[in-house]
Amino acid sequence: MFSLEDYIKTVKQNLGQHSILLAREIKKTINYNFYIDIDLVDYIAFIDPTRFEISIRMFSMDKEAREVFYEGEDKTIFSGSTQVIPDIKYFQLSRENKKEFDEFY
């Protein structure tokens, strides 16, 4: 039987397994050669509840929270967005538990 507490505990455990990867990938972004018009970066988590996956993208933004793009020729300059963490599973569901989970959800 599924419960909210068990579900949250499982999600935390699964995501916790990727915390070192997340920290390492975010630290890499510190060394990016950011375009001069970028004032901040925004990390956004995208969740796919049908596949129980989460990914994280980083967006370059100006002070008004609009995405900034560089249209010059210098390939070393970063702007726009990039994937920080690819799709990772935050929950595993076996086929035999699907109906029970759907009722819980």
PDB file of N, CA and C in Angstrom:
ATOM      1  N   MET A   1       0.848  -1.186   0.000  1.00  0.00           N
ATOM      2  CA  MET A   1       0.000   0.000   0.000  1.00  0.00           C
ATOM      3  C   MET A   1       0.889   1.244   0.000  1.00  0.00           C
ATOM      4  N   PHE A   2       0.529   2.180  -0.822  1.00  0.00           N
ATOM      5  CA  PHE A   2       1.273   3.424  -0.921  1.00  0.00           C
ATOM      6  C   PHE A   2       0.750   4.435   0.097  1.00  0.00           C
ATOM      7  N   SER A   3       1.665   5.227   0.620  1.00  0.00           N
ATOM      8  CA  SER A   3       1.283   6.329   1.499  1.00  0.00           C
ATOM      9  C   SER A   3       2.088   7.552   1.082  1.00  0.00           C
ATOM     10  N   LEU A   4       1.597   8.707   1.430  1.00  0.00           N
ATOM     11  CA  LEU A   4       2.288   9.943   1.093  1.00  0.00           C
ATOM     12  C   LEU A   4       3.674   9.979   1.723  1.00  0.00           C
ATOM     13  N   GLU A   5       3.766   9.557   2.969  1.00  0.00           N
ATOM     14  CA  GLU A   5       5.051   9.566   3.672  1.00  0.00           C
ATOM     15  C   GLU A   5       6.069   8.656   2.982  1.00  0.00           C
ATOM     16  N   ASP A   6       5.636   7.453   2.587  1.00  0.00           N
ATOM     17  CA  ASP A   6       6.535   6.524   1.911  1.00  0.00           C
ATOM     18  C   ASP A   6       6.954   7.053   0.537  1.00  0.00           C
ATOM     19  N   TYR A   7       6.002   7.647  -0.163  1.00  0.00           N
ATOM     20  CA  TYR A   7       6.299   8.211  -1.482  1.00  0.00           C
ATOM     21  C   TYR A   7       7.352   9.319  -1.352  1.00  0.00           C
ATOM     22  N   ILE A   8       7.155  10.245  -0.431  1.00  0.00           N
ATOM     23  CA  ILE A   8       8.108  11.349  -0.223  1.00  0.00           C
ATOM     24  C   ILE A   8       9.469  10.804   0.184  1.00  0.00           C
ATOM     25  N   LYS A   9       9.492   9.839   1.062  1.00  0.00           N
ATOM     26  CA  LYS A   9      10.749   9.240   1.504  1.00  0.00           C
ATOM     27  C   LYS A   9      11.498   8.617   0.321  1.00  0.00           C
ATOM     28  N   THR A  10      10.794   7.898  -0.528  1.00  0.00           N
ATOM     29  CA  THR A  10      11.407   7.257  -1.690  1.00  0.00           C
ATOM     30  C   THR A  10      11.950   8.296  -2.668  1.00  0.00           C
ATOM     31  N   VAL A  11      11.173   9.341  -2.931  1.00  0.00           N
ATOM     32  CA  VAL A  11      11.619  10.397  -3.838  1.00  0.00           C
ATOM     33  C   VAL A  11      12.878  11.058  -3.287  1.00  0.00           C
ATOM     34  N   LYS A  12      12.892  11.382  -1.997  1.00  0.00           N
ATOM     35  CA  LYS A  12      14.074  12.004  -1.383  1.00  0.00           C
ATOM     36  C   LYS A  12      15.293  11.100  -1.496  1.00  0.00           C
ATOM     37  N   GLN A  13      15.113   9.806  -1.249  1.00  0.00           N
ATOM     38  CA  GLN A  13      16.235   8.873  -1.347  1.00  0.00           C
ATOM     39  C   GLN A  13      16.771   8.796  -2.776  1.00  0.00           C
ATOM     40  N   ASN A  14      15.874   8.707  -3.740  1.00  0.00           N
ATOM     41  CA  ASN A  14      16.294   8.612  -5.141  1.00  0.00           C
ATOM     42  C   ASN A  14      16.998   9.881  -5.605  1.00  0.00           C
ATOM     43  N   LEU A  15      16.477  11.037  -5.237  1.00  0.00           N
ATOM     44  CA  LEU A  15      17.128  12.290  -5.627  1.00  0.00           C
ATOM     45  C   LEU A  15      18.438  12.477  -4.882  1.00  0.00           C
ATOM     46  N   GLY A  16      18.486  12.050  -3.634  1.00  0.00           N
ATOM     47  CA  GLY A  16      19.706  12.161  -2.839  1.00  0.00           C
ATOM     48  C   GLY A  16      20.870  11.419  -3.450  1.00  0.00           C
ATOM     49  N   GLN A  17      20.599  10.356  -4.164  1.00  0.00           N
ATOM     50  CA  GLN A  17      21.651   9.582  -4.826  1.00  0.00           C
ATOM     51  C   GLN A  17      22.347  10.387  -5.926  1.00  0.00           C
ATOM     52  N   HIS A  18      21.721  11.467  -6.364  1.00  0.00           N
ATOM     53  CA  HIS A  18      22.270  12.277  -7.452  1.00  0.00           C
ATOM     54  C   HIS A  18      22.796  13.628  -6.980  1.00  0.00           C
ATOM     55  N   SER A  19      22.843  13.855  -5.677  1.00  0.00           N
ATOM     56  CA  SER A  19      23.241  15.172  -5.168  1.00  0.00           C
ATOM     57  C   SER A  19      24.696  15.499  -5.494  1.00  0.00           C
ATOM     58  N   ILE A  20      25.578  14.506  -5.470  1.00  0.00           N
ATOM     59  CA  ILE A  20      26.990  14.762  -5.806  1.00  0.00           C
ATOM     60  C   ILE A  20      27.105  15.152  -7.277  1.00  0.00           C
ATOM     61  N   LEU A  21      26.394  14.438  -8.138  1.00  0.00           N
ATOM     62  CA  LEU A  21      26.383  14.775  -9.572  1.00  0.00           C
ATOM     63  C   LEU A  21      25.858  16.190  -9.779  1.00  0.00           C
ATOM     64  N   LEU A  22      24.771  16.541  -9.114  1.00  0.00           N
ATOM     65  CA  LEU A  22      24.187  17.872  -9.249  1.00  0.00           C
ATOM     66  C   LEU A  22      25.169  18.949  -8.811  1.00  0.00           C
ATOM     67  N   ALA A  23      25.785  18.778  -7.659  1.00  0.00           N
ATOM     68  CA  ALA A  23      26.749  19.764  -7.163  1.00  0.00           C
ATOM     69  C   ALA A  23      27.920  19.911  -8.136  1.00  0.00           C
ATOM     70  N   ARG A  24      28.429  18.796  -8.643  1.00  0.00           N
ATOM     71  CA  ARG A  24      29.550  18.836  -9.586  1.00  0.00           C
ATOM     72  C   ARG A  24      29.168  19.577 -10.869  1.00  0.00           C
ATOM     73  N   GLU A  25      27.991  19.306 -11.398  1.00  0.00           N
ATOM     74  CA  GLU A  25      27.569  19.935 -12.653  1.00  0.00           C
ATOM     75  C   GLU A  25      27.276  21.430 -12.465  1.00  0.00           C
ATOM     76  N   ILE A  26      26.711  21.816 -11.328  1.00  0.00           N
ATOM     77  CA  ILE A  26      26.475  23.240 -11.063  1.00  0.00           C
ATOM     78  C   ILE A  26      27.809  23.966 -10.902  1.00  0.00           C
ATOM     79  N   LYS A  27      28.772  23.348 -10.235  1.00  0.00           N
ATOM     80  CA  LYS A  27      30.087  23.970 -10.075  1.00  0.00           C
ATOM     81  C   LYS A  27      30.760  24.206 -11.427  1.00  0.00           C
ATOM     82  N   LYS A  28      30.531  23.327 -12.389  1.00  0.00           N
ATOM     83  CA  LYS A  28      31.096  23.511 -13.729  1.00  0.00           C
ATOM     84  C   LYS A  28      30.609  24.819 -14.363  1.00  0.00           C
ATOM     85  N   THR A  29      29.369  25.199 -14.066  1.00  0.00           N
ATOM     86  CA  THR A  29      28.805  26.393 -14.700  1.00  0.00           C
ATOM     87  C   THR A  29      29.478  27.672 -14.212  1.00  0.00           C
ATOM     88  N   ILE A  30      30.143  27.612 -13.065  1.00  0.00           N
ATOM     89  CA  ILE A  30      30.846  28.787 -12.541  1.00  0.00           C
ATOM     90  C   ILE A  30      31.939  29.237 -13.501  1.00  0.00           C
ATOM     91  N   ASN A  31      32.529  28.292 -14.199  1.00  0.00           N
ATOM     92  CA  ASN A  31      33.642  28.595 -15.099  1.00  0.00           C
ATOM     93  C   ASN A  31      33.210  28.979 -16.510  1.00  0.00           C
ATOM     94  N   TYR A  32      31.925  29.049 -16.776  1.00  0.00           N
ATOM     95  CA  TYR A  32      31.459  29.442 -18.101  1.00  0.00           C
ATOM     96  C   TYR A  32      31.888  30.879 -18.403  1.00  0.00           C
ATOM     97  N   ASN A  33      32.139  31.145 -19.646  1.00  0.00           N
ATOM     98  CA  ASN A  33      32.449  32.492 -20.121  1.00  0.00           C
ATOM     99  C   ASN A  33      31.109  33.156 -20.470  1.00  0.00           C
ATOM    100  N   PHE A  34      30.477  33.754 -19.472  1.00  0.00           N
ATOM    101  CA  PHE A  34      29.137  34.318 -19.650  1.00  0.00           C
ATOM    102  C   PHE A  34      29.169  35.603 -20.481  1.00  0.00           C
ATOM    103  N   TYR A  35      28.187  35.737 -21.338  1.00  0.00           N
ATOM    104  CA  TYR A  35      27.992  36.944 -22.137  1.00  0.00           C
ATOM    105  C   TYR A  35      27.817  38.131 -21.190  1.00  0.00           C
ATOM    106  N   ILE A  36      28.374  39.272 -21.537  1.00  0.00           N
ATOM    107  CA  ILE A  36      28.409  40.451 -20.651  1.00  0.00           C
ATOM    108  C   ILE A  36      27.020  40.942 -20.248  1.00  0.00           C
ATOM    109  N   ASP A  37      25.992  40.706 -21.060  1.00  0.00           N
ATOM    110  CA  ASP A  37      24.637  41.184 -20.752  1.00  0.00           C
ATOM    111  C   ASP A  37      23.875  40.269 -19.785  1.00  0.00           C
ATOM    112  N   ILE A  38      24.484  39.184 -19.360  1.00  0.00           N
ATOM    113  CA  ILE A  38      23.834  38.263 -18.425  1.00  0.00           C
ATOM    114  C   ILE A  38      24.023  38.792 -17.001  1.00  0.00           C
ATOM    115  N   ASP A  39      22.900  38.932 -16.291  1.00  0.00           N
ATOM    116  CA  ASP A  39      22.933  39.417 -14.909  1.00  0.00           C
ATOM    117  C   ASP A  39      22.752  38.291 -13.888  1.00  0.00           C
ATOM    118  N   LEU A  40      22.083  37.225 -14.277  1.00  0.00           N
ATOM    119  CA  LEU A  40      21.848  36.120 -13.359  1.00  0.00           C
ATOM    120  C   LEU A  40      21.582  34.847 -14.149  1.00  0.00           C
ATOM    121  N   VAL A  41      21.686  33.735 -13.458  1.00  0.00           N
ATOM    122  CA  VAL A  41      21.309  32.460 -14.073  1.00  0.00           C
ATOM    123  C   VAL A  41      20.194  31.852 -13.237  1.00  0.00           C
ATOM    124  N   ASP A  42      19.340  31.133 -13.901  1.00  0.00           N
ATOM    125  CA  ASP A  42      18.177  30.526 -13.264  1.00  0.00           C
ATOM    126  C   ASP A  42      18.217  29.027 -13.537  1.00  0.00           C
ATOM    127  N   TYR A  43      18.172  28.237 -12.485  1.00  0.00           N
ATOM    128  CA  TYR A  43      18.136  26.786 -12.613  1.00  0.00           C
ATOM    129  C   TYR A  43      16.688  26.343 -12.441  1.00  0.00           C
ATOM    130  N   ILE A  44      16.178  25.625 -13.424  1.00  0.00           N
ATOM    131  CA  ILE A  44      14.781  25.198 -13.387  1.00  0.00           C
ATOM    132  C   ILE A  44      14.710  23.682 -13.500  1.00  0.00           C
ATOM    133  N   ALA A  45      13.941  23.073 -12.613  1.00  0.00           N
ATOM    134  CA  ALA A  45      13.710  21.630 -12.649  1.00  0.00           C
ATOM    135  C   ALA A  45      12.474  21.354 -13.493  1.00  0.00           C
ATOM    136  N   PHE A  46      12.606  20.425 -14.410  1.00  0.00           N
ATOM    137  CA  PHE A  46      11.501  19.988 -15.246  1.00  0.00           C
ATOM    138  C   PHE A  46      11.154  18.563 -14.842  1.00  0.00           C
ATOM    139  N   ILE A  47       9.908  18.351 -14.478  1.00  0.00           N
ATOM    140  CA  ILE A  47       9.471  17.058 -13.968  1.00  0.00           C
ATOM    141  C   ILE A  47       8.541  16.401 -14.979  1.00  0.00           C
ATOM    142  N   ASP A  48       8.833  15.136 -15.272  1.00  0.00           N
ATOM    143  CA  ASP A  48       7.965  14.329 -16.126  1.00  0.00           C
ATOM    144  C   ASP A  48       7.294  13.283 -15.233  1.00  0.00           C
ATOM    145  N   PRO A  49       6.073  13.561 -14.758  1.00  0.00           N
ATOM    146  CA  PRO A  49       5.420  12.638 -13.826  1.00  0.00           C
ATOM    147  C   PRO A  49       4.989  11.327 -14.476  1.00  0.00           C
ATOM    148  N   THR A  50       4.912  11.278 -15.787  1.00  0.00           N
ATOM    149  CA  THR A  50       4.520  10.031 -16.446  1.00  0.00           C
ATOM    150  C   THR A  50       5.664   9.032 -16.488  1.00  0.00           C
ATOM    151  N   ARG A  51       6.904   9.541 -16.450  1.00  0.00           N
ATOM    152  CA  ARG A  51       8.089   8.673 -16.486  1.00  0.00           C
ATOM    153  C   ARG A  51       8.865   8.728 -15.173  1.00  0.00           C
ATOM    154  N   PHE A  52       8.375   9.532 -14.212  1.00  0.00           N
ATOM    155  CA  PHE A  52       9.031   9.720 -12.913  1.00  0.00           C
ATOM    156  C   PHE A  52      10.474  10.178 -13.106  1.00  0.00           C
ATOM    157  N   GLU A  53      10.659  11.195 -13.939  1.00  0.00           N
ATOM    158  CA  GLU A  53      11.991  11.724 -14.218  1.00  0.00           C
ATOM    159  C   GLU A  53      12.026  13.224 -13.963  1.00  0.00           C
ATOM    160  N   ILE A  54      13.218  13.687 -13.622  1.00  0.00           N
ATOM    161  CA  ILE A  54      13.452  15.113 -13.410  1.00  0.00           C
ATOM    162  C   ILE A  54      14.737  15.492 -14.136  1.00  0.00           C
ATOM    163  N   SER A  55      14.734  16.671 -14.735  1.00  0.00           N
ATOM    164  CA  SER A  55      15.943  17.207 -15.348  1.00  0.00           C
ATOM    165  C   SER A  55      16.071  18.668 -14.907  1.00  0.00           C
ATOM    166  N   ILE A  56      17.283  19.200 -15.003  1.00  0.00           N
ATOM    167  CA  ILE A  56      17.522  20.579 -14.591  1.00  0.00           C
ATOM    168  C   ILE A  56      18.234  21.308 -15.712  1.00  0.00           C
ATOM    169  N   ARG A  57      17.729  22.490 -16.062  1.00  0.00           N
ATOM    170  CA  ARG A  57      18.340  23.353 -17.071  1.00  0.00           C
ATOM    171  C   ARG A  57      18.723  24.669 -16.425  1.00  0.00           C
ATOM    172  N   MET A  58      19.775  25.267 -16.956  1.00  0.00           N
ATOM    173  CA  MET A  58      20.206  26.588 -16.507  1.00  0.00           C
ATOM    174  C   MET A  58      19.932  27.585 -17.642  1.00  0.00           C
ATOM    175  N   PHE A  59      19.323  28.708 -17.289  1.00  0.00           N
ATOM    176  CA  PHE A  59      19.001  29.756 -18.247  1.00  0.00           C
ATOM    177  C   PHE A  59      19.765  31.026 -17.888  1.00  0.00           C
ATOM    178  N   SER A  60      20.299  31.706 -18.889  1.00  0.00           N
ATOM    179  CA  SER A  60      20.948  33.002 -18.660  1.00  0.00           C
ATOM    180  C   SER A  60      19.888  34.092 -18.761  1.00  0.00           C
ATOM    181  N   MET A  61      19.898  35.013 -17.788  1.00  0.00           N
ATOM    182  CA  MET A  61      18.829  36.009 -17.692  1.00  0.00           C
ATOM    183  C   MET A  61      19.390  37.415 -17.492  1.00  0.00           C
ATOM    184  N   ASP A  62      18.561  38.402 -17.842  1.00  0.00           N
ATOM    185  CA  ASP A  62      18.900  39.784 -17.507  1.00  0.00           C
ATOM    186  C   ASP A  62      18.200  40.151 -16.200  1.00  0.00           C
ATOM    187  N   LYS A  63      18.312  41.412 -15.783  1.00  0.00           N
ATOM    188  CA  LYS A  63      17.723  41.832 -14.497  1.00  0.00           C
ATOM    189  C   LYS A  63      16.202  41.740 -14.472  1.00  0.00           C
ATOM    190  N   GLU A  64      15.580  41.746 -15.635  1.00  0.00           N
ATOM    191  CA  GLU A  64      14.120  41.645 -15.716  1.00  0.00           C
ATOM    192  C   GLU A  64      13.661  40.201 -15.894  1.00  0.00           C
ATOM    193  N   ALA A  65      14.585  39.258 -15.702  1.00  0.00           N
ATOM    194  CA  ALA A  65      14.302  37.810 -15.796  1.00  0.00           C
ATOM    195  C   ALA A  65      13.900  37.384 -17.203  1.00  0.00           C
ATOM    196  N   ARG A  66      14.489  38.037 -18.193  1.00  0.00           N
ATOM    197  CA  ARG A  66      14.300  37.629 -19.587  1.00  0.00           C
ATOM    198  C   ARG A  66      15.551  36.869 -20.018  1.00  0.00           C
ATOM    199  N   GLU A  67      15.357  35.817 -20.799  1.00  0.00           N
ATOM    200  CA  GLU A  67      16.495  35.030 -21.249  1.00  0.00           C
ATOM    201  C   GLU A  67      17.375  35.857 -22.192  1.00  0.00           C
ATOM    202  N   VAL A  68      18.683  35.737 -22.002  1.00  0.00           N
ATOM    203  CA  VAL A  68      19.662  36.501 -22.776  1.00  0.00           C
ATOM    204  C   VAL A  68      20.336  35.572 -23.787  1.00  0.00           C
ATOM    205  N   PHE A  69      20.466  36.068 -25.023  1.00  0.00           N
ATOM    206  CA  PHE A  69      21.134  35.321 -26.081  1.00  0.00           C
ATOM    207  C   PHE A  69      22.261  36.151 -26.669  1.00  0.00           C
ATOM    208  N   TYR A  70      23.356  35.504 -26.969  1.00  0.00           N
ATOM    209  CA  TYR A  70      24.497  36.129 -27.653  1.00  0.00           C
ATOM    210  C   TYR A  70      24.454  35.681 -29.101  1.00  0.00           C
ATOM    211  N   GLU A  71      24.517  36.648 -30.029  1.00  0.00           N
ATOM    212  CA  GLU A  71      24.422  36.305 -31.442  1.00  0.00           C
ATOM    213  C   GLU A  71      25.724  36.553 -32.195  1.00  0.00           C
ATOM    214  N   GLY A  72      26.808  36.672 -31.435  1.00  0.00           N
ATOM    215  CA  GLY A  72      28.100  36.907 -32.062  1.00  0.00           C
ATOM    216  C   GLY A  72      28.753  35.625 -32.556  1.00  0.00           C
ATOM    217  N   GLU A  73      29.998  35.768 -32.986  1.00  0.00           N
ATOM    218  CA  GLU A  73      30.744  34.653 -33.575  1.00  0.00           C
ATOM    219  C   GLU A  73      31.605  33.887 -32.574  1.00  0.00           C
ATOM    220  N   ASP A  74      31.862  34.457 -31.413  1.00  0.00           N
ATOM    221  CA  ASP A  74      32.756  33.826 -30.437  1.00  0.00           C
ATOM    222  C   ASP A  74      32.069  32.621 -29.791  1.00  0.00           C
ATOM    223  N   LYS A  75      32.533  31.433 -30.126  1.00  0.00           N
ATOM    224  CA  LYS A  75      31.921  30.188 -29.641  1.00  0.00           C
ATOM    225  C   LYS A  75      32.219  29.903 -28.165  1.00  0.00           C
ATOM    226  N   THR A  76      33.137  30.665 -27.559  1.00  0.00           N
ATOM    227  CA  THR A  76      33.464  30.442 -26.151  1.00  0.00           C
ATOM    228  C   THR A  76      32.505  31.166 -25.216  1.00  0.00           C
ATOM    229  N   ILE A  77      31.699  32.065 -25.741  1.00  0.00           N
ATOM    230  CA  ILE A  77      30.766  32.851 -24.916  1.00  0.00           C
ATOM    231  C   ILE A  77      29.472  32.071 -24.720  1.00  0.00           C
ATOM    232  N   PHE A  78      29.060  31.968 -23.461  1.00  0.00           N
ATOM    233  CA  PHE A  78      27.813  31.263 -23.149  1.00  0.00           C
ATOM    234  C   PHE A  78      26.659  32.233 -22.994  1.00  0.00           C
ATOM    235  N   SER A  79      25.520  31.838 -23.547  1.00  0.00           N
ATOM    236  CA  SER A  79      24.238  32.510 -23.309  1.00  0.00           C
ATOM    237  C   SER A  79      23.147  31.513 -23.668  1.00  0.00           C
ATOM    238  N   GLY A  80      21.924  31.853 -23.331  1.00  0.00           N
ATOM    239  CA  GLY A  80      20.817  30.948 -23.615  1.00  0.00           C
ATOM    240  C   GLY A  80      20.599  29.983 -22.477  1.00  0.00           C
ATOM    241  N   SER A  81      20.545  28.705 -22.804  1.00  0.00           N
ATOM    242  CA  SER A  81      20.306  27.698 -21.771  1.00  0.00           C
ATOM    243  C   SER A  81      21.138  26.455 -22.052  1.00  0.00           C
ATOM    244  N   THR A  82      21.292  25.660 -21.024  1.00  0.00           N
ATOM    245  CA  THR A  82      22.000  24.396 -21.151  1.00  0.00           C
ATOM    246  C   THR A  82      21.450  23.404 -20.135  1.00  0.00           C
ATOM    247  N   GLN A  83      21.512  22.147 -20.490  1.00  0.00           N
ATOM    248  CA  GLN A  83      21.072  21.105 -19.569  1.00  0.00           C
ATOM    249  C   GLN A  83      22.160  20.873 -18.538  1.00  0.00           C
ATOM    250  N   VAL A  84      21.786  20.948 -17.275  1.00  0.00           N
ATOM    251  CA  VAL A  84      22.732  20.720 -16.176  1.00  0.00           C
ATOM    252  C   VAL A  84      22.676  19.257 -15.751  1.00  0.00           C
ATOM    253  N   ILE A  85      21.479  18.743 -15.594  1.00  0.00           N
ATOM    254  CA  ILE A  85      21.274  17.344 -15.216  1.00  0.00           C
ATOM    255  C   ILE A  85      20.288  16.733 -16.215  1.00  0.00           C
ATOM    256  N   PRO A  86      20.672  15.610 -16.831  1.00  0.00           N
ATOM    257  CA  PRO A  86      19.729  14.941 -17.745  1.00  0.00           C
ATOM    258  C   PRO A  86      18.622  14.254 -16.950  1.00  0.00           C
ATOM    259  N   ASP A  87      17.696  13.663 -17.653  1.00  0.00           N
ATOM    260  CA  ASP A  87      16.579  12.979 -17.002  1.00  0.00           C
ATOM    261  C   ASP A  87      17.087  11.904 -16.045  1.00  0.00           C
ATOM    262  N   ILE A  88      16.711  12.052 -14.784  1.00  0.00           N
ATOM    263  CA  ILE A  88      17.036  11.032 -13.781  1.00  0.00           C
ATOM    264  C   ILE A  88      15.739  10.564 -13.136  1.00  0.00           C
ATOM    265  N   LYS A  89      15.709   9.307 -12.800  1.00  0.00           N
ATOM    266  CA  LYS A  89      14.525   8.716 -12.162  1.00  0.00           C
ATOM    267  C   LYS A  89      14.442   9.170 -10.707  1.00  0.00           C
ATOM    268  N   TYR A  90      13.259   9.608 -10.302  1.00  0.00           N
ATOM    269  CA  TYR A  90      13.062   9.946  -8.896  1.00  0.00           C
ATOM    270  C   TYR A  90      12.117   8.965  -8.212  1.00  0.00           C
ATOM    271  N   PHE A  91      11.557   8.038  -8.994  1.00  0.00           N
ATOM    272  CA  PHE A  91      10.654   7.039  -8.431  1.00  0.00           C
ATOM    273  C   PHE A  91      10.616   5.842  -9.373  1.00  0.00           C
ATOM    274  N   GLN A  92      10.620   4.651  -8.811  1.00  0.00           N
ATOM    275  CA  GLN A  92      10.512   3.420  -9.589  1.00  0.00           C
ATOM    276  C   GLN A  92       9.150   2.795  -9.322  1.00  0.00           C
ATOM    277  N   LEU A  93       8.492   2.376 -10.383  1.00  0.00           N
ATOM    278  CA  LEU A  93       7.178   1.763 -10.234  1.00  0.00           C
ATOM    279  C   LEU A  93       7.135   0.490 -11.067  1.00  0.00           C
ATOM    280  N   SER A  94       6.870  -0.619 -10.417  1.00  0.00           N
ATOM    281  CA  SER A  94       6.752  -1.882 -11.142  1.00  0.00           C
ATOM    282  C   SER A  94       5.371  -1.972 -11.773  1.00  0.00           C
ATOM    283  N   ARG A  95       5.270  -2.763 -12.807  1.00  0.00           N
ATOM    284  CA  ARG A  95       3.986  -2.924 -13.509  1.00  0.00           C
ATOM    285  C   ARG A  95       2.900  -3.474 -12.583  1.00  0.00           C
ATOM    286  N   GLU A  96       3.300  -4.391 -11.696  1.00  0.00           N
ATOM    287  CA  GLU A  96       2.287  -4.999 -10.819  1.00  0.00           C
ATOM    288  C   GLU A  96       1.750  -4.012  -9.779  1.00  0.00           C
ATOM    289  N   ASN A  97       2.471  -2.899  -9.545  1.00  0.00           N
ATOM    290  CA  ASN A  97       2.008  -1.896  -8.576  1.00  0.00           C
ATOM    291  C   ASN A  97       1.352  -0.683  -9.228  1.00  0.00           C
ATOM    292  N   LYS A  98       1.277  -0.671 -10.553  1.00  0.00           N
ATOM    293  CA  LYS A  98       0.777   0.512 -11.260  1.00  0.00           C
ATOM    294  C   LYS A  98      -0.662   0.872 -10.866  1.00  0.00           C
ATOM    295  N   LYS A  99      -1.554  -0.072 -10.863  1.00  0.00           N
ATOM    296  CA  LYS A  99      -2.953   0.215 -10.535  1.00  0.00           C
ATOM    297  C   LYS A  99      -3.067   0.770  -9.115  1.00  0.00           C
ATOM    298  N   GLU A 100      -2.376   0.140  -8.183  1.00  0.00           N
ATOM    299  CA  GLU A 100      -2.401   0.598  -6.785  1.00  0.00           C
ATOM    300  C   GLU A 100      -1.822   2.005  -6.671  1.00  0.00           C
ATOM    301  N   PHE A 101      -0.734   2.261  -7.408  1.00  0.00           N
ATOM    302  CA  PHE A 101      -0.138   3.596  -7.366  1.00  0.00           C
ATOM    303  C   PHE A 101      -1.083   4.630  -7.966  1.00  0.00           C
ATOM    304  N   ASP A 102      -1.704   4.307  -9.088  1.00  0.00           N
ATOM    305  CA  ASP A 102      -2.633   5.244  -9.730  1.00  0.00           C
ATOM    306  C   ASP A 102      -3.770   5.621  -8.795  1.00  0.00           C
ATOM    307  N   GLU A 103      -4.266   4.659  -8.045  1.00  0.00           N
ATOM    308  CA  GLU A 103      -5.330   4.940  -7.068  1.00  0.00           C
ATOM    309  C   GLU A 103      -4.801   5.848  -5.958  1.00  0.00           C
ATOM    310  N   PHE A 104      -3.587   5.567  -5.505  1.00  0.00           N
ATOM    311  CA  PHE A 104      -2.959   6.422  -4.479  1.00  0.00           C
ATOM    312  C   PHE A 104      -2.761   7.826  -5.007  1.00  0.00           C
ATOM    313  N   TYR A 105      -2.236   7.944  -6.212  1.00  0.00           N
ATOM    314  CA  TYR A 105      -1.902   9.235  -6.797  1.00  0.00           C
ATOM    315  C   TYR A 105      -3.147  10.055  -7.047  1.00  0.00           C
TER     316      TYR A 105
END
